[in-house]
Amino acid sequence: FNWIAWEAPPRQFRCSAKIRYRQTEQPCEVTVEEDGSVQVLFDRPQRAITPGQAVVLYDGDTVLGGGTIL
C-alpha cells in the first residue's frame, strides 16, 4: 500500500474509496494492520472486487493512498 497523504496513517479511519476508474467514490472504513496491510470495509457491498485490481482511498478531492487488492 502506498500512502500519499501520510507517512504514518491512523490505525483506523473513515474515508471513501474506488476500485474502478469510473466508479463513484464509496464510503468505507479502513484499518491499518500491524504488518502494514490495509483492510477496507465498504458500507455497502461492492460488485466483482477482484485480486489484482487497485483500490484508491480519498478524503474529498485528496488522494490518501492506494494499493493492490489481494
PDB file of N, CA and C in Angstrom:
ATOM      1  N   PHE A   1       0.846  -1.164   0.000  1.00  0.00           N
ATOM      2  CA  PHE A   1       0.000   0.000   0.000  1.00  0.00           C
ATOM      3  C   PHE A   1       0.889   1.222   0.000  1.00  0.00           C
ATOM      4  N   ASN A   2       0.564   2.206  -0.781  1.00  0.00           N
ATOM      5  CA  ASN A   2       1.345   3.445  -0.873  1.00  0.00           C
ATOM      6  C   ASN A   2       0.522   4.598  -0.321  1.00  0.00           C
ATOM      7  N   TRP A   3       1.046   5.222   0.716  1.00  0.00           N
ATOM      8  CA  TRP A   3       0.366   6.366   1.321  1.00  0.00           C
ATOM      9  C   TRP A   3       0.850   7.644   0.676  1.00  0.00           C
ATOM     10  N   ILE A   4      -0.079   8.503   0.304  1.00  0.00           N
ATOM     11  CA  ILE A   4       0.231   9.793  -0.309  1.00  0.00           C
ATOM     12  C   ILE A   4       0.120  10.899   0.745  1.00  0.00           C
ATOM     13  N   ALA A   5      -0.939  10.855   1.536  1.00  0.00           N
ATOM     14  CA  ALA A   5      -1.259  11.949   2.457  1.00  0.00           C
ATOM     15  C   ALA A   5      -0.516  11.850   3.790  1.00  0.00           C
ATOM     16  N   TRP A   6      -0.037  10.644   4.137  1.00  0.00           N
ATOM     17  CA  TRP A   6       0.602  10.459   5.450  1.00  0.00           C
ATOM     18  C   TRP A   6       1.868   9.636   5.310  1.00  0.00           C
ATOM     19  N   GLU A   7       2.787   9.859   6.243  1.00  0.00           N
ATOM     20  CA  GLU A   7       3.906   8.944   6.387  1.00  0.00           C
ATOM     21  C   GLU A   7       3.455   7.751   7.214  1.00  0.00           C
ATOM     22  N   ALA A   8       2.719   8.054   8.285  1.00  0.00           N
ATOM     23  CA  ALA A   8       2.153   7.014   9.147  1.00  0.00           C
ATOM     24  C   ALA A   8       0.663   7.311   9.323  1.00  0.00           C
ATOM     25  N   PRO A   9      -0.195   6.553   8.643  1.00  0.00           N
ATOM     26  CA  PRO A   9      -1.639   6.814   8.730  1.00  0.00           C
ATOM     27  C   PRO A   9      -2.198   6.421  10.095  1.00  0.00           C
ATOM     28  N   PRO A  10      -3.378   6.938  10.438  1.00  0.00           N
ATOM     29  CA  PRO A  10      -4.049   6.478  11.660  1.00  0.00           C
ATOM     30  C   PRO A  10      -4.351   4.983  11.543  1.00  0.00           C
ATOM     31  N   ARG A  11      -4.463   4.310  12.645  1.00  0.00           N
ATOM     32  CA  ARG A  11      -4.729   2.866  12.614  1.00  0.00           C
ATOM     33  C   ARG A  11      -6.112   2.562  12.051  1.00  0.00           C
ATOM     34  N   GLN A  12      -7.085   3.431  12.300  1.00  0.00           N
ATOM     35  CA  GLN A  12      -8.438   3.223  11.777  1.00  0.00           C
ATOM     36  C   GLN A  12      -9.047   4.578  11.450  1.00  0.00           C
ATOM     37  N   PHE A  13      -9.726   4.647  10.304  1.00  0.00           N
ATOM     38  CA  PHE A  13     -10.363   5.896   9.899  1.00  0.00           C
ATOM     39  C   PHE A  13     -11.418   5.622   8.846  1.00  0.00           C
ATOM     40  N   ARG A  14     -12.270   6.610   8.610  1.00  0.00           N
ATOM     41  CA  ARG A  14     -13.304   6.552   7.570  1.00  0.00           C
ATOM     42  C   ARG A  14     -12.876   7.434   6.415  1.00  0.00           C
ATOM     43  N   CYS A  15     -13.233   7.012   5.213  1.00  0.00           N
ATOM     44  CA  CYS A  15     -12.949   7.795   4.016  1.00  0.00           C
ATOM     45  C   CYS A  15     -13.848   7.251   2.909  1.00  0.00           C
ATOM     46  N   SER A  16     -13.516   7.531   1.667  1.00  0.00           N
ATOM     47  CA  SER A  16     -14.203   6.908   0.546  1.00  0.00           C
ATOM     48  C   SER A  16     -13.148   6.218  -0.318  1.00  0.00           C
ATOM     49  N   ALA A  17     -13.593   5.285  -1.142  1.00  0.00           N
ATOM     50  CA  ALA A  17     -12.662   4.507  -1.956  1.00  0.00           C
ATOM     51  C   ALA A  17     -13.272   4.184  -3.308  1.00  0.00           C
ATOM     52  N   LYS A  18     -12.393   3.938  -4.270  1.00  0.00           N
ATOM     53  CA  LYS A  18     -12.813   3.499  -5.606  1.00  0.00           C
ATOM     54  C   LYS A  18     -12.002   2.272  -5.979  1.00  0.00           C
ATOM     55  N   ILE A  19     -12.665   1.305  -6.628  1.00  0.00           N
ATOM     56  CA  ILE A  19     -11.965   0.140  -7.147  1.00  0.00           C
ATOM     57  C   ILE A  19     -11.991   0.099  -8.677  1.00  0.00           C
ATOM     58  N   ARG A  20     -12.674   1.058  -9.266  1.00  0.00           N
ATOM     59  CA  ARG A  20     -12.728   1.201 -10.726  1.00  0.00           C
ATOM     60  C   ARG A  20     -12.593   2.677 -11.083  1.00  0.00           C
ATOM     61  N   TYR A  21     -11.966   2.949 -12.196  1.00  0.00           N
ATOM     62  CA  TYR A  21     -11.681   4.316 -12.619  1.00  0.00           C
ATOM     63  C   TYR A  21     -12.934   5.176 -12.673  1.00  0.00           C
ATOM     64  N   ARG A  22     -14.001   4.681 -13.282  1.00  0.00           N
ATOM     65  CA  ARG A  22     -15.219   5.477 -13.474  1.00  0.00           C
ATOM     66  C   ARG A  22     -16.230   5.309 -12.341  1.00  0.00           C
ATOM     67  N   GLN A  23     -15.895   4.539 -11.330  1.00  0.00           N
ATOM     68  CA  GLN A  23     -16.800   4.304 -10.209  1.00  0.00           C
ATOM     69  C   GLN A  23     -16.949   5.569  -9.357  1.00  0.00           C
ATOM     70  N   THR A  24     -18.134   5.766  -8.825  1.00  0.00           N
ATOM     71  CA  THR A  24     -18.355   6.820  -7.843  1.00  0.00           C
ATOM     72  C   THR A  24     -17.686   6.393  -6.547  1.00  0.00           C
ATOM     73  N   GLU A  25     -17.052   7.328  -5.861  1.00  0.00           N
ATOM     74  CA  GLU A  25     -16.408   7.001  -4.590  1.00  0.00           C
ATOM     75  C   GLU A  25     -17.444   6.426  -3.626  1.00  0.00           C
ATOM     76  N   GLN A  26     -17.032   5.386  -2.897  1.00  0.00           N
ATOM     77  CA  GLN A  26     -17.928   4.701  -1.973  1.00  0.00           C
ATOM     78  C   GLN A  26     -17.411   4.845  -0.541  1.00  0.00           C
ATOM     79  N   PRO A  27     -18.289   5.156   0.432  1.00  0.00           N
ATOM     80  CA  PRO A  27     -17.846   5.290   1.820  1.00  0.00           C
ATOM     81  C   PRO A  27     -17.345   3.957   2.374  1.00  0.00           C
ATOM     82  N   CYS A  28     -16.317   4.043   3.223  1.00  0.00           N
ATOM     83  CA  CYS A  28     -15.741   2.831   3.788  1.00  0.00           C
ATOM     84  C   CYS A  28     -15.025   3.134   5.100  1.00  0.00           C
ATOM     85  N   GLU A  29     -14.667   2.068   5.802  1.00  0.00           N
ATOM     86  CA  GLU A  29     -13.840   2.161   6.998  1.00  0.00           C
ATOM     87  C   GLU A  29     -12.541   1.427   6.702  1.00  0.00           C
ATOM     88  N   VAL A  30     -11.428   2.030   7.070  1.00  0.00           N
ATOM     89  CA  VAL A  30     -10.111   1.475   6.779  1.00  0.00           C
ATOM     90  C   VAL A  30      -9.415   1.131   8.085  1.00  0.00           C
ATOM     91  N   THR A  31      -8.801  -0.046   8.128  1.00  0.00           N
ATOM     92  CA  THR A  31      -7.995  -0.460   9.266  1.00  0.00           C
ATOM     93  C   THR A  31      -6.600  -0.803   8.758  1.00  0.00           C
ATOM     94  N   VAL A  32      -5.590  -0.191   9.367  1.00  0.00           N
ATOM     95  CA  VAL A  32      -4.201  -0.484   9.023  1.00  0.00           C
ATOM     96  C   VAL A  32      -3.701  -1.518  10.027  1.00  0.00           C
ATOM     97  N   GLU A  33      -3.297  -2.677   9.522  1.00  0.00           N
ATOM     98  CA  GLU A  33      -2.858  -3.777  10.372  1.00  0.00           C
ATOM     99  C   GLU A  33      -1.407  -3.586  10.819  1.00  0.00           C
ATOM    100  N   GLU A  34      -0.985  -4.353  11.820  1.00  0.00           N
ATOM    101  CA  GLU A  34       0.378  -4.273  12.355  1.00  0.00           C
ATOM    102  C   GLU A  34       1.436  -4.500  11.277  1.00  0.00           C
ATOM    103  N   ASP A  35       1.145  -5.401  10.327  1.00  0.00           N
ATOM    104  CA  ASP A  35       2.120  -5.722   9.273  1.00  0.00           C
ATOM    105  C   ASP A  35       2.114  -4.718   8.126  1.00  0.00           C
ATOM    106  N   GLY A  36       1.292  -3.670   8.242  1.00  0.00           N
ATOM    107  CA  GLY A  36       1.225  -2.646   7.199  1.00  0.00           C
ATOM    108  C   GLY A  36       0.157  -2.893   6.150  1.00  0.00           C
ATOM    109  N   SER A  37      -0.449  -4.077   6.176  1.00  0.00           N
ATOM    110  CA  SER A  37      -1.536  -4.322   5.234  1.00  0.00           C
ATOM    111  C   SER A  37      -2.738  -3.469   5.619  1.00  0.00           C
ATOM    112  N   VAL A  38      -3.640  -3.290   4.676  1.00  0.00           N
ATOM    113  CA  VAL A  38      -4.784  -2.407   4.863  1.00  0.00           C
ATOM    114  C   VAL A  38      -6.064  -3.171   4.580  1.00  0.00           C
ATOM    115  N   GLN A  39      -7.018  -3.074   5.486  1.00  0.00           N
ATOM    116  CA  GLN A  39      -8.317  -3.701   5.299  1.00  0.00           C
ATOM    117  C   GLN A  39      -9.338  -2.606   5.029  1.00  0.00           C
ATOM    118  N   VAL A  40     -10.070  -2.753   3.933  1.00  0.00           N
ATOM    119  CA  VAL A  40     -11.094  -1.771   3.555  1.00  0.00           C
ATOM    120  C   VAL A  40     -12.454  -2.453   3.646  1.00  0.00           C
ATOM    121  N   LEU A  41     -13.332  -1.889   4.468  1.00  0.00           N
ATOM    122  CA  LEU A  41     -14.678  -2.435   4.625  1.00  0.00           C
ATOM    123  C   LEU A  41     -15.662  -1.391   4.113  1.00  0.00           C
ATOM    124  N   PHE A  42     -16.268  -1.675   2.965  1.00  0.00           N
ATOM    125  CA  PHE A  42     -17.229  -0.749   2.362  1.00  0.00           C
ATOM    126  C   PHE A  42     -18.539  -0.778   3.142  1.00  0.00           C
ATOM    127  N   ASP A  43     -19.216   0.367   3.211  1.00  0.00           N
ATOM    128  CA  ASP A  43     -20.511   0.458   3.887  1.00  0.00           C
ATOM    129  C   ASP A  43     -21.556  -0.405   3.181  1.00  0.00           C
ATOM    130  N   ARG A  44     -21.466  -0.487   1.867  1.00  0.00           N
ATOM    131  CA  ARG A  44     -22.373  -1.318   1.068  1.00  0.00           C
ATOM    132  C   ARG A  44     -21.547  -2.299   0.250  1.00  0.00           C
ATOM    133  N   PRO A  45     -22.056  -3.520   0.039  1.00  0.00           N
ATOM    134  CA  PRO A  45     -21.313  -4.498  -0.756  1.00  0.00           C
ATOM    135  C   PRO A  45     -20.969  -3.944  -2.146  1.00  0.00           C
ATOM    136  N   GLN A  46     -19.765  -4.252  -2.613  1.00  0.00           N
ATOM    137  CA  GLN A  46     -19.311  -3.822  -3.934  1.00  0.00           C
ATOM    138  C   GLN A  46     -19.288  -5.034  -4.856  1.00  0.00           C
ATOM    139  N   ARG A  47     -19.595  -4.804  -6.105  1.00  0.00           N
ATOM    140  CA  ARG A  47     -19.710  -5.872  -7.094  1.00  0.00           C
ATOM    141  C   ARG A  47     -18.344  -6.203  -7.697  1.00  0.00           C
ATOM    142  N   ALA A  48     -18.041  -7.490  -7.782  1.00  0.00           N
ATOM    143  CA  ALA A  48     -16.914  -8.029  -8.551  1.00  0.00           C
ATOM    144  C   ALA A  48     -15.551  -7.439  -8.167  1.00  0.00           C
ATOM    145  N   ILE A  49     -15.276  -7.366  -6.881  1.00  0.00           N
ATOM    146  CA  ILE A  49     -13.924  -6.971  -6.451  1.00  0.00           C
ATOM    147  C   ILE A  49     -13.005  -8.153  -6.731  1.00  0.00           C
ATOM    148  N   THR A  50     -11.893  -7.895  -7.420  1.00  0.00           N
ATOM    149  CA  THR A  50     -11.024  -8.959  -7.890  1.00  0.00           C
ATOM    150  C   THR A  50      -9.582  -8.717  -7.473  1.00  0.00           C
ATOM    151  N   PRO A  51      -8.889  -9.767  -6.984  1.00  0.00           N
ATOM    152  CA  PRO A  51      -7.465  -9.621  -6.687  1.00  0.00           C
ATOM    153  C   PRO A  51      -6.705  -9.097  -7.907  1.00  0.00           C
ATOM    154  N   GLY A  52      -5.781  -8.194  -7.653  1.00  0.00           N
ATOM    155  CA  GLY A  52      -5.008  -7.580  -8.733  1.00  0.00           C
ATOM    156  C   GLY A  52      -5.516  -6.199  -9.107  1.00  0.00           C
ATOM    157  N   GLN A  53      -6.785  -5.903  -8.773  1.00  0.00           N
ATOM    158  CA  GLN A  53      -7.312  -4.562  -9.012  1.00  0.00           C
ATOM    159  C   GLN A  53      -6.708  -3.603  -8.000  1.00  0.00           C
ATOM    160  N   ALA A  54      -6.772  -2.333  -8.301  1.00  0.00           N
ATOM    161  CA  ALA A  54      -6.310  -1.313  -7.369  1.00  0.00           C
ATOM    162  C   ALA A  54      -7.486  -0.777  -6.558  1.00  0.00           C
ATOM    163  N   VAL A  55      -7.194  -0.352  -5.348  1.00  0.00           N
ATOM    164  CA  VAL A  55      -8.148   0.390  -4.533  1.00  0.00           C
ATOM    165  C   VAL A  55      -7.468   1.710  -4.186  1.00  0.00           C
ATOM    166  N   VAL A  56      -8.199   2.806  -4.351  1.00  0.00           N
ATOM    167  CA  VAL A  56      -7.661   4.132  -4.056  1.00  0.00           C
ATOM    168  C   VAL A  56      -8.562   4.790  -3.023  1.00  0.00           C
ATOM    169  N   LEU A  57      -7.937   5.348  -1.978  1.00  0.00           N
ATOM    170  CA  LEU A  57      -8.665   5.971  -0.882  1.00  0.00           C
ATOM    171  C   LEU A  57      -8.653   7.488  -1.043  1.00  0.00           C
ATOM    172  N   TYR A  58      -9.791   8.118  -0.740  1.00  0.00           N
ATOM    173  CA  TYR A  58      -9.954   9.564  -0.908  1.00  0.00           C
ATOM    174  C   TYR A  58     -10.540  10.203   0.342  1.00  0.00           C
ATOM    175  N   ASP A  59     -10.164  11.441   0.561  1.00  0.00           N
ATOM    176  CA  ASP A  59     -10.824  12.322   1.523  1.00  0.00           C
ATOM    177  C   ASP A  59     -11.209  13.554   0.723  1.00  0.00           C
ATOM    178  N   GLY A  60     -12.438  13.571   0.217  1.00  0.00           N
ATOM    179  CA  GLY A  60     -12.845  14.635  -0.713  1.00  0.00           C
ATOM    180  C   GLY A  60     -12.021  14.521  -1.988  1.00  0.00           C
ATOM    181  N   ASP A  61     -11.343  15.602  -2.366  1.00  0.00           N
ATOM    182  CA  ASP A  61     -10.502  15.603  -3.569  1.00  0.00           C
ATOM    183  C   ASP A  61      -9.069  15.151  -3.302  1.00  0.00           C
ATOM    184  N   THR A  62      -8.754  14.846  -2.049  1.00  0.00           N
ATOM    185  CA  THR A  62      -7.390  14.460  -1.678  1.00  0.00           C
ATOM    186  C   THR A  62      -7.237  12.940  -1.744  1.00  0.00           C
ATOM    187  N   VAL A  63      -6.210  12.479  -2.466  1.00  0.00           N
ATOM    188  CA  VAL A  63      -5.887  11.071  -2.513  1.00  0.00           C
ATOM    189  C   VAL A  63      -5.077  10.732  -1.258  1.00  0.00           C
ATOM    190  N   LEU A  64      -5.590   9.789  -0.465  1.00  0.00           N
ATOM    191  CA  LEU A  64      -4.895   9.386   0.751  1.00  0.00           C
ATOM    192  C   LEU A  64      -3.842   8.319   0.470  1.00  0.00           C
ATOM    193  N   GLY A  65      -4.153   7.425  -0.468  1.00  0.00           N
ATOM    194  CA  GLY A  65      -3.223   6.356  -0.813  1.00  0.00           C
ATOM    195  C   GLY A  65      -3.921   5.314  -1.648  1.00  0.00           C
ATOM    196  N   GLY A  66      -3.175   4.279  -2.001  1.00  0.00           N
ATOM    197  CA  GLY A  66      -3.751   3.206  -2.809  1.00  0.00           C
ATOM    198  C   GLY A  66      -2.868   1.988  -2.811  1.00  0.00           C
ATOM    199  N   GLY A  67      -3.455   0.877  -3.230  1.00  0.00           N
ATOM    200  CA  GLY A  67      -2.711  -0.376  -3.284  1.00  0.00           C
ATOM    201  C   GLY A  67      -3.435  -1.399  -4.117  1.00  0.00           C
ATOM    202  N   THR A  68      -2.817  -2.573  -4.213  1.00  0.00           N
ATOM    203  CA  THR A  68      -3.367  -3.670  -4.990  1.00  0.00           C
ATOM    204  C   THR A  68      -4.183  -4.593  -4.084  1.00  0.00           C
ATOM    205  N   ILE A  69      -5.347  -4.991  -4.548  1.00  0.00           N
ATOM    206  CA  ILE A  69      -6.222  -5.875  -3.802  1.00  0.00           C
ATOM    207  C   ILE A  69      -5.658  -7.301  -3.858  1.00  0.00           C
ATOM    208  N   LEU A  70      -5.581  -7.916  -2.670  1.00  0.00           N
ATOM    209  CA  LEU A  70      -5.073  -9.303  -2.602  1.00  0.00           C
ATOM    210  C   LEU A  70      -6.183 -10.298  -2.611  1.00  0.00           C
TER     211      LEU A  70
END
